[in-house]
């Protein structure tokens, strides 16, 4: 059975090739968005053969999918501040810092745009966020255990409520993403959770 593009777990020289290709992929997304991403360009910037890129990643969408897997694996671990309020504020701050980063912001903008018109990119983006939500879910579960929110609260819905206003400003309304905005997103999600909005 043929592997999905970019899913082989490499070691040695193969790992170096993958790292170079993913770095070149990120650079192309920052410079020109998804439409500027081509296997030929990535191969030239990464210093590897075009046949290597085409054989392993096959398409721009395959490159994006592997980049998102790598980003999910290397993302910062979830916070454990001792309170749900602190953890949600930390989550909101991390999302805000990522989206306003001069390099990562354009990468996410390009990937979100690509996901709107390419199913493979959409699936990869879904996988990225599923991984990150699973990483942060224990923070909400600890809050449940401490009695900070009602029993039956869905941890993933709480986390989605934190990040949704930030992504709306980033990708839809294009409004500034300030620290105050992140604080309000966390506070609103916590208030809703305490009121039982996410208890099913």
C-alpha atoms as a PDB file:
ATOM      1  CA  UNK A   1       0.000   0.000   0.000  1.00  0.00           C
ATOM      2  CA  UNK A   2       1.404   3.403  -0.976  1.00  0.00           C
ATOM      3  CA  UNK A   3       2.049   5.859   1.839  1.00  0.00           C
ATOM      4  CA  UNK A   4       0.275   9.198   2.050  1.00  0.00           C
ATOM      5  CA  UNK A   5       2.608  11.964   0.831  1.00  0.00           C
ATOM      6  CA  UNK A   6       5.103  12.971   3.502  1.00  0.00           C
ATOM      7  CA  UNK A   7       3.968  10.398   6.088  1.00  0.00           C
ATOM      8  CA  UNK A   8       7.082   8.226   6.111  1.00  0.00           C
ATOM      9  CA  UNK A   9       8.965   8.768   9.357  1.00  0.00           C
ATOM     10  CA  UNK A  10      12.492   9.478   8.194  1.00  0.00           C
ATOM     11  CA  UNK A  11      15.906   9.222   9.785  1.00  0.00           C
ATOM     12  CA  UNK A  12      19.437  10.275   8.851  1.00  0.00           C
ATOM     13  CA  UNK A  13      19.840  11.929   5.479  1.00  0.00           C
ATOM     14  CA  UNK A  14      16.151  11.478   4.713  1.00  0.00           C
ATOM     15  CA  UNK A  15      15.307  13.497   7.816  1.00  0.00           C
ATOM     16  CA  UNK A  16      17.579  16.298   6.610  1.00  0.00           C
ATOM     17  CA  UNK A  17      15.919  16.284   3.209  1.00  0.00           C
ATOM     18  CA  UNK A  18      12.484  16.451   4.796  1.00  0.00           C
ATOM     19  CA  UNK A  19      13.535  19.316   7.068  1.00  0.00           C
ATOM     20  CA  UNK A  20      14.949  21.261   4.116  1.00  0.00           C
ATOM     21  CA  UNK A  21      11.854  20.651   2.012  1.00  0.00           C
ATOM     22  CA  UNK A  22       9.474  21.701   4.779  1.00  0.00           C
ATOM     23  CA  UNK A  23      11.532  24.837   5.474  1.00  0.00           C
ATOM     24  CA  UNK A  24      11.370  25.687   1.762  1.00  0.00           C
ATOM     25  CA  UNK A  25       7.629  25.001   1.766  1.00  0.00           C
ATOM     26  CA  UNK A  26       7.138  27.404   4.656  1.00  0.00           C
ATOM     27  CA  UNK A  27       9.254  30.034   2.914  1.00  0.00           C
ATOM     28  CA  UNK A  28       7.196  29.763  -0.265  1.00  0.00           C
ATOM     29  CA  UNK A  29       3.951  30.145   1.685  1.00  0.00           C
ATOM     30  CA  UNK A  30       5.285  33.224   3.483  1.00  0.00           C
ATOM     31  CA  UNK A  31       6.544  34.799   0.270  1.00  0.00           C
ATOM     32  CA  UNK A  32       3.623  34.183  -2.043  1.00  0.00           C
ATOM     33  CA  UNK A  33       0.911  32.048  -0.484  1.00  0.00           C
ATOM     34  CA  UNK A  34      -0.353  28.669  -1.632  1.00  0.00           C
ATOM     35  CA  UNK A  35      -0.418  29.627  -5.315  1.00  0.00           C
ATOM     36  CA  UNK A  36       3.334  30.317  -5.192  1.00  0.00           C
ATOM     37  CA  UNK A  37       4.019  26.854  -3.820  1.00  0.00           C
ATOM     38  CA  UNK A  38       5.318  24.459  -6.463  1.00  0.00           C
ATOM     39  CA  UNK A  39       7.401  21.307  -6.078  1.00  0.00           C
ATOM     40  CA  UNK A  40       9.958  22.756  -8.517  1.00  0.00           C
ATOM     41  CA  UNK A  41      10.441  25.896  -6.436  1.00  0.00           C
ATOM     42  CA  UNK A  42      10.630  23.931  -3.199  1.00  0.00           C
ATOM     43  CA  UNK A  43      13.216  21.579  -4.654  1.00  0.00           C
ATOM     44  CA  UNK A  44      15.385  24.487  -5.824  1.00  0.00           C
ATOM     45  CA  UNK A  45      15.262  26.289  -2.464  1.00  0.00           C
ATOM     46  CA  UNK A  46      15.776  23.084  -0.482  1.00  0.00           C
ATOM     47  CA  UNK A  47      18.689  22.028  -2.656  1.00  0.00           C
ATOM     48  CA  UNK A  48      17.229  18.628  -3.475  1.00  0.00           C
ATOM     49  CA  UNK A  49      16.254  16.932  -6.707  1.00  0.00           C
ATOM     50  CA  UNK A  50      12.840  17.658  -8.196  1.00  0.00           C
ATOM     51  CA  UNK A  51      12.199  13.947  -8.548  1.00  0.00           C
ATOM     52  CA  UNK A  52      12.651  13.543  -4.784  1.00  0.00           C
ATOM     53  CA  UNK A  53       9.978  16.129  -4.061  1.00  0.00           C
ATOM     54  CA  UNK A  54       7.556  14.809  -6.678  1.00  0.00           C
ATOM     55  CA  UNK A  55       8.061  11.196  -5.606  1.00  0.00           C
ATOM     56  CA  UNK A  56       7.539  11.780  -1.900  1.00  0.00           C
ATOM     57  CA  UNK A  57       5.139  14.754  -1.690  1.00  0.00           C
ATOM     58  CA  UNK A  58       3.607  14.651  -5.197  1.00  0.00           C
ATOM     59  CA  UNK A  59       1.839  18.041  -5.064  1.00  0.00           C
ATOM     60  CA  UNK A  60       1.633  21.399  -3.263  1.00  0.00           C
ATOM     61  CA  UNK A  61      -1.162  19.967  -1.139  1.00  0.00           C
ATOM     62  CA  UNK A  62       1.087  17.077  -0.122  1.00  0.00           C
ATOM     63  CA  UNK A  63       3.760  19.553   0.941  1.00  0.00           C
ATOM     64  CA  UNK A  64       1.254  21.538   3.010  1.00  0.00           C
ATOM     65  CA  UNK A  65      -0.084  18.368   4.630  1.00  0.00           C
ATOM     66  CA  UNK A  66       3.370  17.289   5.783  1.00  0.00           C
ATOM     67  CA  UNK A  67       4.230  20.810   6.953  1.00  0.00           C
ATOM     68  CA  UNK A  68       1.103  20.894   9.113  1.00  0.00           C
ATOM     69  CA  UNK A  69       1.919  17.479  10.589  1.00  0.00           C
ATOM     70  CA  UNK A  70       5.397  18.711  11.444  1.00  0.00           C
ATOM     71  CA  UNK A  71       4.038  21.929  12.969  1.00  0.00           C
ATOM     72  CA  UNK A  72       1.565  19.998  15.114  1.00  0.00           C
ATOM     73  CA  UNK A  73       4.309  17.730  16.396  1.00  0.00           C
ATOM     74  CA  UNK A  74       6.586  20.646  17.244  1.00  0.00           C
ATOM     75  CA  UNK A  75       4.015  23.024  18.751  1.00  0.00           C
ATOM     76  CA  UNK A  76       4.497  24.177  22.310  1.00  0.00           C
ATOM     77  CA  UNK A  77       2.961  21.867  24.948  1.00  0.00           C
ATOM     78  CA  UNK A  78      -0.272  22.845  26.649  1.00  0.00           C
ATOM     79  CA  UNK A  79      -0.078  25.021  29.716  1.00  0.00           C
ATOM     80  CA  UNK A  80      -0.762  23.834  33.269  1.00  0.00           C
ATOM     81  CA  UNK A  81      -1.133  26.981  35.369  1.00  0.00           C
ATOM     82  CA  UNK A  82      -3.181  25.414  38.148  1.00  0.00           C
ATOM     83  CA  UNK A  83      -6.496  26.953  37.103  1.00  0.00           C
ATOM     84  CA  UNK A  84      -8.746  26.696  34.081  1.00  0.00           C
ATOM     85  CA  UNK A  85      -8.805  30.468  33.770  1.00  0.00           C
ATOM     86  CA  UNK A  86      -5.013  30.580  33.587  1.00  0.00           C
ATOM     87  CA  UNK A  87      -4.857  27.733  31.108  1.00  0.00           C
ATOM     88  CA  UNK A  88      -7.447  29.289  28.778  1.00  0.00           C
ATOM     89  CA  UNK A  89      -5.652  32.617  28.904  1.00  0.00           C
ATOM     90  CA  UNK A  90      -2.428  30.821  28.018  1.00  0.00           C
ATOM     91  CA  UNK A  91      -4.168  29.066  25.127  1.00  0.00           C
ATOM     92  CA  UNK A  92      -5.569  32.336  23.791  1.00  0.00           C
ATOM     93  CA  UNK A  93      -2.178  34.028  24.117  1.00  0.00           C
ATOM     94  CA  UNK A  94      -0.495  31.194  22.219  1.00  0.00           C
ATOM     95  CA  UNK A  95      -3.026  31.360  19.379  1.00  0.00           C
ATOM     96  CA  UNK A  96      -2.710  35.129  19.209  1.00  0.00           C
ATOM     97  CA  UNK A  97       1.107  35.017  19.270  1.00  0.00           C
ATOM     98  CA  UNK A  98       1.130  32.439  16.483  1.00  0.00           C
ATOM     99  CA  UNK A  99      -1.277  34.314  14.224  1.00  0.00           C
ATOM    100  CA  UNK A 100       0.522  37.640  14.695  1.00  0.00           C
ATOM    101  CA  UNK A 101       3.993  36.178  14.226  1.00  0.00           C
ATOM    102  CA  UNK A 102       5.638  37.716  11.121  1.00  0.00           C
ATOM    103  CA  UNK A 103       6.432  34.278   9.736  1.00  0.00           C
ATOM    104  CA  UNK A 104       3.728  31.972  11.075  1.00  0.00           C
ATOM    105  CA  UNK A 105       0.873  34.397  10.436  1.00  0.00           C
ATOM    106  CA  UNK A 106       1.360  34.341   6.656  1.00  0.00           C
ATOM    107  CA  UNK A 107       1.797  30.559   6.738  1.00  0.00           C
ATOM    108  CA  UNK A 108      -1.573  30.087   8.428  1.00  0.00           C
ATOM    109  CA  UNK A 109      -3.231  32.630   6.161  1.00  0.00           C
ATOM    110  CA  UNK A 110      -1.977  30.716   3.117  1.00  0.00           C
ATOM    111  CA  UNK A 111      -2.995  27.319   4.482  1.00  0.00           C
ATOM    112  CA  UNK A 112      -6.473  28.496   5.513  1.00  0.00           C
ATOM    113  CA  UNK A 113      -6.993  29.973   2.039  1.00  0.00           C
ATOM    114  CA  UNK A 114      -5.776  26.760   0.423  1.00  0.00           C
ATOM    115  CA  UNK A 115      -8.090  24.652   2.592  1.00  0.00           C
ATOM    116  CA  UNK A 116     -11.068  26.541   1.181  1.00  0.00           C
ATOM    117  CA  UNK A 117     -10.421  25.170  -2.296  1.00  0.00           C
ATOM    118  CA  UNK A 118      -8.345  22.002  -1.837  1.00  0.00           C
ATOM    119  CA  UNK A 119      -9.697  18.985   0.041  1.00  0.00           C
ATOM    120  CA  UNK A 120      -6.271  17.556   0.852  1.00  0.00           C
ATOM    121  CA  UNK A 121      -5.249  20.850   2.440  1.00  0.00           C
ATOM    122  CA  UNK A 122      -8.570  20.978   4.298  1.00  0.00           C
ATOM    123  CA  UNK A 123      -8.000  17.466   5.656  1.00  0.00           C
ATOM    124  CA  UNK A 124      -4.462  18.380   6.713  1.00  0.00           C
ATOM    125  CA  UNK A 125      -5.668  21.531   8.468  1.00  0.00           C
ATOM    126  CA  UNK A 126      -8.359  19.518  10.253  1.00  0.00           C
ATOM    127  CA  UNK A 127      -5.702  17.050  11.383  1.00  0.00           C
ATOM    128  CA  UNK A 128      -3.490  19.852  12.681  1.00  0.00           C
ATOM    129  CA  UNK A 129      -6.243  21.320  14.817  1.00  0.00           C
ATOM    130  CA  UNK A 130      -7.425  17.909  15.999  1.00  0.00           C
ATOM    131  CA  UNK A 131      -3.902  17.270  17.287  1.00  0.00           C
ATOM    132  CA  UNK A 132      -3.709  20.644  19.030  1.00  0.00           C
ATOM    133  CA  UNK A 133      -7.176  20.290  20.585  1.00  0.00           C
ATOM    134  CA  UNK A 134      -6.238  16.861  21.925  1.00  0.00           C
ATOM    135  CA  UNK A 135      -3.060  18.370  23.383  1.00  0.00           C
ATOM    136  CA  UNK A 136      -5.016  21.052  25.245  1.00  0.00           C
ATOM    137  CA  UNK A 137      -8.101  19.028  26.252  1.00  0.00           C
ATOM    138  CA  UNK A 138      -6.518  17.842  29.532  1.00  0.00           C
ATOM    139  CA  UNK A 139      -6.396  21.477  30.704  1.00  0.00           C
ATOM    140  CA  UNK A 140     -10.188  21.632  30.556  1.00  0.00           C
ATOM    141  CA  UNK A 141     -10.482  18.146  32.038  1.00  0.00           C
ATOM    142  CA  UNK A 142      -8.406  19.285  35.018  1.00  0.00           C
ATOM    143  CA  UNK A 143     -10.801  22.208  35.426  1.00  0.00           C
ATOM    144  CA  UNK A 144     -13.684  19.742  35.428  1.00  0.00           C
ATOM    145  CA  UNK A 145     -11.927  17.709  38.096  1.00  0.00           C
ATOM    146  CA  UNK A 146     -11.494  20.812  40.254  1.00  0.00           C
ATOM    147  CA  UNK A 147     -15.173  21.686  39.879  1.00  0.00           C
ATOM    148  CA  UNK A 148     -14.478  24.936  38.009  1.00  0.00           C
ATOM    149  CA  UNK A 149     -17.053  24.145  35.318  1.00  0.00           C
ATOM    150  CA  UNK A 150     -20.158  21.923  35.216  1.00  0.00           C
ATOM    151  CA  UNK A 151     -19.944  18.177  34.821  1.00  0.00           C
ATOM    152  CA  UNK A 152     -20.514  17.072  31.253  1.00  0.00           C
ATOM    153  CA  UNK A 153     -18.730  20.068  29.746  1.00  0.00           C
ATOM    154  CA  UNK A 154     -17.145  19.214  26.385  1.00  0.00           C
ATOM    155  CA  UNK A 155     -13.446  20.185  26.618  1.00  0.00           C
ATOM    156  CA  UNK A 156     -13.058  20.579  22.865  1.00  0.00           C
ATOM    157  CA  UNK A 157     -16.002  22.984  22.631  1.00  0.00           C
ATOM    158  CA  UNK A 158     -14.468  25.155  25.348  1.00  0.00           C
ATOM    159  CA  UNK A 159     -11.189  25.310  23.457  1.00  0.00           C
ATOM    160  CA  UNK A 160     -12.933  26.082  20.169  1.00  0.00           C
ATOM    161  CA  UNK A 161     -14.738  28.941  21.895  1.00  0.00           C
ATOM    162  CA  UNK A 162     -11.390  30.414  22.923  1.00  0.00           C
ATOM    163  CA  UNK A 163      -9.813  30.375  19.484  1.00  0.00           C
ATOM    164  CA  UNK A 164     -12.864  31.042  17.278  1.00  0.00           C
ATOM    165  CA  UNK A 165     -12.986  34.839  17.845  1.00  0.00           C
ATOM    166  CA  UNK A 166      -9.249  35.070  17.208  1.00  0.00           C
ATOM    167  CA  UNK A 167      -9.432  33.191  13.918  1.00  0.00           C
ATOM    168  CA  UNK A 168     -12.476  35.238  12.877  1.00  0.00           C
ATOM    169  CA  UNK A 169     -10.479  38.456  13.256  1.00  0.00           C
ATOM    170  CA  UNK A 170      -7.462  36.886  11.581  1.00  0.00           C
ATOM    171  CA  UNK A 171      -9.128  35.276   8.569  1.00  0.00           C
ATOM    172  CA  UNK A 172     -12.471  37.039   8.071  1.00  0.00           C
ATOM    173  CA  UNK A 173     -12.742  40.558   9.476  1.00  0.00           C
ATOM    174  CA  UNK A 174      -8.978  41.264   9.362  1.00  0.00           C
ATOM    175  CA  UNK A 175      -9.192  43.257  12.592  1.00  0.00           C
ATOM    176  CA  UNK A 176      -6.181  43.688  14.892  1.00  0.00           C
ATOM    177  CA  UNK A 177      -5.374  40.778  17.186  1.00  0.00           C
ATOM    178  CA  UNK A 178      -4.288  42.497  20.377  1.00  0.00           C
ATOM    179  CA  UNK A 179      -3.498  41.008  23.771  1.00  0.00           C
ATOM    180  CA  UNK A 180      -6.784  42.447  25.058  1.00  0.00           C
ATOM    181  CA  UNK A 181      -8.687  40.596  22.353  1.00  0.00           C
ATOM    182  CA  UNK A 182      -7.079  37.319  23.410  1.00  0.00           C
ATOM    183  CA  UNK A 183      -7.896  38.004  27.059  1.00  0.00           C
ATOM    184  CA  UNK A 184     -11.533  38.684  26.209  1.00  0.00           C
ATOM    185  CA  UNK A 185     -11.783  35.509  24.143  1.00  0.00           C
ATOM    186  CA  UNK A 186     -10.529  33.417  27.054  1.00  0.00           C
ATOM    187  CA  UNK A 187     -12.802  35.201  29.541  1.00  0.00           C
ATOM    188  CA  UNK A 188     -15.867  34.800  27.335  1.00  0.00           C
ATOM    189  CA  UNK A 189     -15.197  31.089  26.791  1.00  0.00           C
ATOM    190  CA  UNK A 190     -14.728  30.552  30.527  1.00  0.00           C
ATOM    191  CA  UNK A 191     -17.934  32.455  31.381  1.00  0.00           C
ATOM    192  CA  UNK A 192     -19.882  30.403  28.849  1.00  0.00           C
ATOM    193  CA  UNK A 193     -18.403  27.176  30.202  1.00  0.00           C
ATOM    194  CA  UNK A 194     -19.250  28.133  33.779  1.00  0.00           C
ATOM    195  CA  UNK A 195     -22.822  28.877  32.676  1.00  0.00           C
ATOM    196  CA  UNK A 196     -23.128  25.363  31.222  1.00  0.00           C
ATOM    197  CA  UNK A 197     -23.113  26.391  27.566  1.00  0.00           C
ATOM    198  CA  UNK A 198     -20.843  23.492  26.620  1.00  0.00           C
ATOM    199  CA  UNK A 199     -22.369  20.827  28.918  1.00  0.00           C
ATOM    200  CA  UNK A 200     -24.151  18.106  26.986  1.00  0.00           C
END
